[in-house]
């Protein structure tokens, strides 16, 4: 049985399906190829499709002019199915006009052999197409293997990158006297909101990596001001607010991807929907989407945490404040997405705590 052939293409006897309604042509092709290949025969298009369905051949020699279903239609159907579209098809024809050849090639045929047949030419065409098919098959296997390896390496790099970001932001957390899990929670809250908004996986991933760096500029703010906030003078408060600009300067550069996004978030996550935020007083959609997302994620975590001069708010109080600030502090659609992501947000709090 052909189904029991060895899988090693170097030692396997390849199978060739000959489809022709003329017995004389079949006899010539079988005599020509049977010494090297496992040759099967179909006398019409319908039988050819049934034969291929039962056992896929390595190559098909297909007559064009047949009663009932012609070779063009057989080719079209085979090329329309994922399982059979890669079988090389060589048309057998007495036609010589270029338009007939072009039609067959457009349907996916790899070659033409005109009647009457030259045995040597048939052997050469079949051998060349099987060699190319085997090469494409091996190439596809190698591409798939390297793609898997690349994806695994990329995932490992992404995980390492996120771990490195979290370690680096710990320096800011110590500087700002904040919980070591604050930035990790911000990352996951922001990702949950982004997913609820329907952003694509690549954008969600970028926000996941960028969000933890939203307050990196606090490294440049005197520690005593951070400890005393919000009991600060107007001048001192302006100094603290400048952490957005400092963060953007720290993250500035030719980098692309999540580092560029991190710079945007650092600069804009204290802007407010109604234009009363800082540092630029941006309003509405003028605030980058990632900045609006992290604005809410950050505020939620801050409200749920102890801060200088106050204790953490309860979940109910926090939710009330966020709803009250819909359309003022926060983009309404971000607020709506946040509450739709309630289960994901609760899972983050269960995993990483609050405060």
Protein backbone atom coordinates (compact mmCIF):
# COMPACT_ATOMS: atom_id res chain seq x y z
CA UNK A 1 0.00 0.00 0.00
CA UNK A 2 1.21 3.49 -0.82
CA UNK A 3 0.02 4.71 2.56
CA UNK A 4 2.71 2.52 4.12
CA UNK A 5 5.55 4.08 2.15
CA UNK A 6 8.50 5.33 4.16
CA UNK A 7 8.34 8.99 5.08
CA UNK A 8 11.95 9.64 4.13
CA UNK A 9 11.69 11.36 0.76
CA UNK A 10 15.20 10.30 -0.19
CA UNK A 11 14.19 6.59 -0.31
CA UNK A 12 10.44 6.75 -0.99
CA UNK A 13 9.00 5.67 -4.33
CA UNK A 14 6.97 8.67 -5.47
CA UNK A 15 3.42 8.22 -6.71
CA UNK A 16 2.15 9.64 -9.99
CA UNK A 17 -1.52 9.79 -10.92
CA UNK A 18 -2.19 9.71 -14.69
CA UNK A 19 -5.57 11.13 -15.70
CA UNK A 20 -6.49 10.56 -19.37
CA UNK A 21 -9.51 9.13 -21.19
CA UNK A 22 -7.43 7.62 -24.01
CA UNK A 23 -6.05 4.15 -23.29
CA UNK A 24 -3.21 4.51 -25.81
CA UNK A 25 -1.93 7.58 -23.97
CA UNK A 26 -2.24 5.81 -20.63
CA UNK A 27 -0.27 2.83 -21.90
CA UNK A 28 2.57 5.08 -23.06
CA UNK A 29 2.72 6.98 -19.77
CA UNK A 30 2.52 3.85 -17.61
CA UNK A 31 5.26 2.16 -19.63
CA UNK A 32 7.41 5.30 -19.42
CA UNK A 33 7.06 5.92 -15.68
CA UNK A 34 6.33 2.61 -13.94
CA UNK A 35 9.98 1.67 -13.68
CA UNK A 36 10.67 4.64 -11.36
CA UNK A 37 7.31 5.57 -9.85
CA UNK A 38 4.19 4.10 -8.34
CA UNK A 39 1.77 4.89 -11.17
CA UNK A 40 -1.99 4.99 -10.76
CA UNK A 41 -4.61 5.69 -13.42
CA UNK A 42 -7.96 7.52 -13.68
CA UNK A 43 -9.99 7.64 -16.89
CA UNK A 44 -12.01 10.77 -16.09
CA UNK A 45 -12.07 13.83 -13.87
CA UNK A 46 -14.56 12.52 -11.31
CA UNK A 47 -12.56 9.34 -10.77
CA UNK A 48 -9.37 11.40 -10.47
CA UNK A 49 -10.83 13.47 -7.63
CA UNK A 50 -12.05 10.32 -5.85
CA UNK A 51 -8.60 8.75 -6.21
CA UNK A 52 -6.88 11.81 -4.81
CA UNK A 53 -9.33 11.90 -1.90
CA UNK A 54 -8.49 8.29 -1.02
CA UNK A 55 -4.73 8.73 -1.27
CA UNK A 56 -2.90 11.90 -2.25
CA UNK A 57 -0.34 11.40 -5.04
CA UNK A 58 2.98 13.22 -5.26
CA UNK A 59 2.29 14.46 -8.80
CA UNK A 60 -0.57 14.42 -11.32
CA UNK A 61 -0.35 14.15 -15.11
CA UNK A 62 -3.71 15.60 -16.17
CA UNK A 63 -5.32 15.55 -19.61
CA UNK A 64 -7.25 18.72 -20.42
CA UNK A 65 -9.84 17.52 -22.96
CA UNK A 66 -11.93 14.82 -21.32
CA UNK A 67 -15.66 14.07 -21.43
CA UNK A 68 -17.62 15.37 -18.48
CA UNK A 69 -15.29 17.24 -16.16
CA UNK A 70 -12.32 18.60 -18.09
CA UNK A 71 -8.78 18.98 -16.77
CA UNK A 72 -9.19 22.68 -16.04
CA UNK A 73 -12.06 21.98 -13.63
CA UNK A 74 -10.17 19.11 -11.96
CA UNK A 75 -7.19 21.41 -11.45
CA UNK A 76 -9.40 24.22 -10.10
CA UNK A 77 -10.98 21.92 -7.52
CA UNK A 78 -7.68 20.45 -6.40
CA UNK A 79 -6.10 23.89 -6.03
CA UNK A 80 -9.12 25.05 -4.06
CA UNK A 81 -8.56 22.56 -1.25
CA UNK A 82 -5.78 23.08 1.37
CA UNK A 83 -5.02 19.35 1.45
CA UNK A 84 -4.40 19.06 -2.30
CA UNK A 85 -3.44 22.54 -3.47
CA UNK A 86 0.31 21.81 -3.32
CA UNK A 87 0.22 18.70 -5.53
CA UNK A 88 2.18 19.58 -8.70
CA UNK A 89 0.01 19.19 -11.81
CA UNK A 90 1.41 18.79 -15.32
CA UNK A 91 -1.19 19.23 -18.06
CA UNK A 92 -1.30 16.82 -20.99
CA UNK A 93 -2.69 18.46 -24.11
CA UNK A 94 -2.72 18.64 -27.87
CA UNK A 95 -3.44 22.36 -27.54
CA UNK A 96 -0.61 24.63 -28.53
CA UNK A 97 -2.09 28.11 -28.30
CA UNK A 98 -0.53 30.37 -25.68
CA UNK A 99 -3.93 31.33 -24.23
CA UNK A 100 -4.63 27.67 -23.38
CA UNK A 101 -1.27 27.34 -21.65
CA UNK A 102 -1.81 30.60 -19.79
CA UNK A 103 -5.21 29.44 -18.53
CA UNK A 104 -3.76 26.27 -17.09
CA UNK A 105 -0.84 28.03 -15.43
CA UNK A 106 -3.23 30.59 -13.97
CA UNK A 107 -5.15 27.74 -12.35
CA UNK A 108 -1.96 26.51 -10.69
CA UNK A 109 -0.49 23.94 -13.06
CA UNK A 110 3.31 23.77 -12.98
CA UNK A 111 3.98 22.62 -16.54
CA UNK A 112 2.59 21.48 -19.92
CA UNK A 113 3.45 18.45 -22.04
CA UNK A 114 2.04 18.35 -25.54
CA UNK A 115 0.90 15.27 -27.40
CA UNK A 116 2.30 13.12 -28.95
CA UNK A 117 4.47 12.31 -25.93
CA UNK A 118 8.23 12.02 -25.90
CA UNK A 119 9.09 9.44 -23.19
CA UNK A 120 12.36 11.17 -22.36
CA UNK A 121 10.63 14.54 -22.08
CA UNK A 122 7.93 13.07 -19.82
CA UNK A 123 10.55 11.52 -17.55
CA UNK A 124 12.51 14.76 -17.38
CA UNK A 125 9.47 16.94 -16.61
CA UNK A 126 8.17 14.57 -13.94
CA UNK A 127 11.59 14.16 -12.33
CA UNK A 128 12.18 17.93 -12.24
CA UNK A 129 8.78 18.72 -10.74
CA UNK A 130 9.09 16.04 -8.07
CA UNK A 131 12.53 17.35 -7.19
CA UNK A 132 11.15 20.89 -6.87
CA UNK A 133 8.18 19.64 -4.87
CA UNK A 134 10.43 17.77 -2.48
CA UNK A 135 12.61 20.86 -2.11
CA UNK A 136 9.56 23.02 -1.33
CA UNK A 137 8.35 20.47 1.19
CA UNK A 138 11.69 20.33 2.97
CA UNK A 139 11.92 24.11 2.87
CA UNK A 140 8.45 24.43 4.42
CA UNK A 141 9.43 22.02 7.20
CA UNK A 142 12.61 23.99 7.87
CA UNK A 143 10.75 27.30 7.84
CA UNK A 144 8.20 25.92 10.29
CA UNK A 145 10.98 24.63 12.54
CA UNK A 146 12.83 27.95 12.49
CA UNK A 147 9.59 29.86 13.02
CA UNK A 148 8.85 27.80 16.13
CA UNK A 149 12.36 28.38 17.39
CA UNK A 150 12.11 32.12 16.65
CA UNK A 151 8.75 32.38 18.44
CA UNK A 152 10.15 30.56 21.45
CA UNK A 153 13.19 32.84 21.51
CA UNK A 154 10.98 35.92 21.11
CA UNK A 155 8.76 34.81 23.99
CA UNK A 156 11.82 34.21 26.15
CA UNK A 157 13.18 37.64 25.21
CA UNK A 158 9.85 39.31 25.94
CA UNK A 159 9.65 37.64 29.33
CA UNK A 160 13.22 38.65 30.08
CA UNK A 161 12.51 42.20 28.91
CA UNK A 162 9.49 42.52 31.17
CA UNK A 163 11.46 41.11 34.09
CA UNK A 164 14.26 43.62 33.42
CA UNK A 165 11.78 46.49 33.21
CA UNK A 166 10.23 45.47 36.52
CA UNK A 167 13.65 45.30 38.16
CA UNK A 168 14.62 48.72 36.84
CA UNK A 169 11.38 50.34 37.94
CA UNK A 170 12.03 49.10 41.46
CA UNK A 171 14.60 51.91 41.68
CA UNK A 172 11.83 54.41 41.03
CA UNK A 173 9.55 52.68 43.54
CA UNK A 174 12.13 52.94 46.27
CA UNK A 175 12.63 56.56 45.34
CA UNK A 176 8.89 57.24 45.47
CA UNK A 177 8.32 55.07 48.55
CA UNK A 178 5.77 52.95 46.68
CA UNK A 179 4.84 49.29 46.83
CA UNK A 180 7.05 46.97 44.84
CA UNK A 181 3.98 45.60 43.05
CA UNK A 182 2.51 48.95 42.02
CA UNK A 183 4.06 48.93 38.54
CA UNK A 184 3.27 45.27 37.98
CA UNK A 185 -0.38 45.95 38.75
CA UNK A 186 -0.41 49.02 36.47
CA UNK A 187 0.97 46.86 33.67
CA UNK A 188 -1.75 44.24 34.03
CA UNK A 189 -4.61 46.71 34.63
CA UNK A 190 -3.62 48.64 31.51
CA UNK A 191 -3.39 45.42 29.48
CA UNK A 192 -6.85 44.36 30.66
CA UNK A 193 -8.34 47.71 29.62
CA UNK A 194 -6.55 47.58 26.25
CA UNK A 195 -7.91 44.10 25.54
CA UNK A 196 -11.43 45.21 26.46
CA UNK A 197 -11.08 48.10 24.02
CA UNK A 198 -10.39 45.55 21.29
CA UNK A 199 -6.79 46.57 20.63
CA UNK A 200 -4.72 43.99 18.77
CA UNK A 201 -2.37 41.62 20.55
CA UNK A 202 0.76 43.49 19.46
CA UNK A 203 -0.52 46.77 20.91
CA UNK A 204 -1.64 45.11 24.14
CA UNK A 205 1.81 43.56 24.48
CA UNK A 206 3.50 46.93 23.92
CA UNK A 207 1.32 48.56 26.58
CA UNK A 208 2.10 45.70 28.98
CA UNK A 209 5.84 46.41 28.69
CA UNK A 210 5.56 50.20 28.52
CA UNK A 211 3.10 50.92 31.33
CA UNK A 212 5.45 50.01 34.24
CA UNK A 213 7.73 52.88 33.22
CA UNK A 214 5.03 55.54 33.52
CA UNK A 215 6.59 57.12 36.64
CA UNK A 216 10.26 56.56 35.84
CA UNK A 217 10.76 60.34 35.93
CA UNK A 218 10.30 60.29 39.72
CA UNK A 219 13.94 59.24 39.88
CA UNK A 220 14.69 62.91 39.20
CA UNK A 221 12.42 64.27 41.97
CA UNK A 222 13.78 64.88 45.50
CA UNK A 223 12.71 62.09 47.82
CA UNK A 224 11.40 64.43 50.53
CA UNK A 225 8.91 65.98 48.09
CA UNK A 226 7.59 62.58 47.12
CA UNK A 227 7.24 61.63 50.80
CA UNK A 228 5.32 64.81 51.63
CA UNK A 229 3.04 64.85 48.64
CA UNK A 230 0.28 66.20 48.63
CA UNK A 231 1.21 68.52 51.51
CA UNK A 232 3.31 70.66 49.20
CA UNK A 233 3.49 74.30 48.16
CA UNK A 234 2.49 75.26 44.64
CA UNK A 235 6.13 75.54 43.65
CA UNK A 236 6.98 72.14 45.16
CA UNK A 237 3.95 70.55 43.50
CA UNK A 238 5.12 71.90 40.15
CA UNK A 239 8.46 70.21 40.77
CA UNK A 240 6.76 66.87 41.42
CA UNK A 241 4.58 67.26 38.32
CA UNK A 242 7.77 67.67 36.28
CA UNK A 243 8.39 63.93 36.68
CA UNK A 244 6.35 63.47 33.50
CA UNK A 245 8.78 65.57 31.49
CA UNK A 246 11.81 63.98 33.16
CA UNK A 247 10.45 60.52 32.38
CA UNK A 248 9.98 61.43 28.73
CA UNK A 249 13.56 62.75 28.59
CA UNK A 250 14.90 59.55 30.17
CA UNK A 251 13.07 57.43 27.61
CA UNK A 252 13.81 59.69 24.62
CA UNK A 253 15.84 58.31 21.74
CA UNK A 254 15.59 56.51 18.41
CA UNK A 255 14.03 53.41 19.95
CA UNK A 256 10.85 52.00 18.48
CA UNK A 257 8.16 49.74 19.84
CA UNK A 258 7.32 49.67 23.51
CA UNK A 259 10.12 52.05 24.59
CA UNK A 260 8.74 54.74 22.33
CA UNK A 261 5.30 54.01 23.73
CA UNK A 262 6.72 54.15 27.26
CA UNK A 263 7.95 57.69 26.57
CA UNK A 264 4.47 58.71 25.43
CA UNK A 265 2.89 57.18 28.53
CA UNK A 266 5.41 58.79 30.88
CA UNK A 267 4.68 62.20 29.38
CA UNK A 268 0.87 61.99 29.13
CA UNK A 269 -0.49 59.73 31.88
CA UNK A 270 -1.42 62.76 34.04
CA UNK A 271 -3.31 64.55 31.28
CA UNK A 272 -7.07 64.68 31.89
CA UNK A 273 -9.96 64.24 29.48
CA UNK A 274 -11.33 67.73 30.27
CA UNK A 275 -7.97 69.42 29.65
CA UNK A 276 -7.15 70.18 33.32
CA UNK A 277 -4.20 67.78 33.55
CA UNK A 278 -0.46 68.24 33.06
CA UNK A 279 2.17 68.83 31.73
CA UNK A 280 0.57 70.20 28.53
CA UNK A 281 -3.12 70.48 29.39
CA UNK A 282 -4.11 68.20 26.51
CA UNK A 283 -7.82 67.54 26.09
CA UNK A 284 -9.90 64.64 24.79
CA UNK A 285 -8.52 62.63 21.91
CA UNK A 286 -5.46 64.89 21.78
CA UNK A 287 -4.21 62.73 24.66
CA UNK A 288 -2.62 59.54 23.24
CA UNK A 289 -4.76 56.46 23.88
CA UNK A 290 -2.03 54.67 25.85
CA UNK A 291 -1.71 57.71 28.13
CA UNK A 292 -5.47 57.69 28.75
CA UNK A 293 -5.41 53.97 29.57
CA UNK A 294 -2.54 54.22 32.03
CA UNK A 295 -4.06 57.36 33.56
CA UNK A 296 -7.03 55.33 34.78
CA UNK A 297 -5.01 52.23 35.67
CA UNK A 298 -2.59 54.34 37.74
CA UNK A 299 -5.34 56.30 39.47
CA UNK A 300 -7.22 53.12 40.36
CA UNK A 301 -4.15 51.57 41.96
CA UNK A 302 -3.26 54.81 43.78
CA UNK A 303 -6.77 55.08 45.24
CA UNK A 304 -6.63 51.47 46.36
CA UNK A 305 -3.27 52.02 48.10
CA UNK A 306 -2.08 53.83 51.22
CA UNK A 307 -0.42 57.12 50.35
CA UNK A 308 1.19 59.92 52.40
CA UNK A 309 -1.53 61.58 54.45
CA UNK A 310 -4.31 59.03 53.77
CA UNK A 311 -5.34 55.41 53.89
CA UNK A 312 -6.44 53.37 50.91
CA UNK A 313 -10.01 53.80 49.70
CA UNK A 314 -12.33 50.81 49.67
CA UNK A 315 -13.14 49.19 46.31
CA UNK A 316 -16.63 50.69 46.45
CA UNK A 317 -15.29 54.19 47.15
CA UNK A 318 -12.71 53.83 44.40
CA UNK A 319 -15.28 52.72 41.84
CA UNK A 320 -17.55 55.61 42.83
CA UNK A 321 -14.73 58.13 42.34
CA UNK A 322 -13.86 56.72 38.91
CA UNK A 323 -17.50 56.83 37.79
CA UNK A 324 -17.81 60.40 39.05
CA UNK A 325 -14.75 61.38 37.01
CA UNK A 326 -16.05 59.82 33.77
CA UNK A 327 -15.80 62.55 31.14
CA UNK A 328 -13.76 64.78 33.47
CA UNK A 329 -10.54 63.14 34.61
CA UNK A 330 -11.02 60.05 32.43
CA UNK A 331 -11.98 59.24 28.86
CA UNK A 332 -15.56 57.83 29.08
CA UNK A 333 -14.76 54.86 26.84
CA UNK A 334 -11.74 53.97 29.01
CA UNK A 335 -13.95 54.01 32.10
CA UNK A 336 -16.49 51.79 30.38
CA UNK A 337 -13.80 49.34 29.27
CA UNK A 338 -12.35 49.29 32.80
CA UNK A 339 -15.65 48.23 34.33
CA UNK A 340 -16.25 45.67 31.59
CA UNK A 341 -12.84 44.21 32.50
CA UNK A 342 -13.97 43.81 36.11
CA UNK A 343 -13.09 40.10 36.31
CA UNK A 344 -9.60 40.66 34.89
CA UNK A 345 -9.01 43.57 37.29
CA UNK A 346 -10.18 41.47 40.24
CA UNK A 347 -7.81 38.69 39.16
CA UNK A 348 -4.88 41.14 39.20
CA UNK A 349 -5.77 42.27 42.74
CA UNK A 350 -6.12 38.64 43.83
CA UNK A 351 -2.72 37.85 42.35
CA UNK A 352 -0.74 40.95 43.35
CA UNK A 353 -2.72 42.47 46.20
CA UNK A 354 -3.35 46.20 46.64
CA UNK A 355 -1.50 49.03 48.34
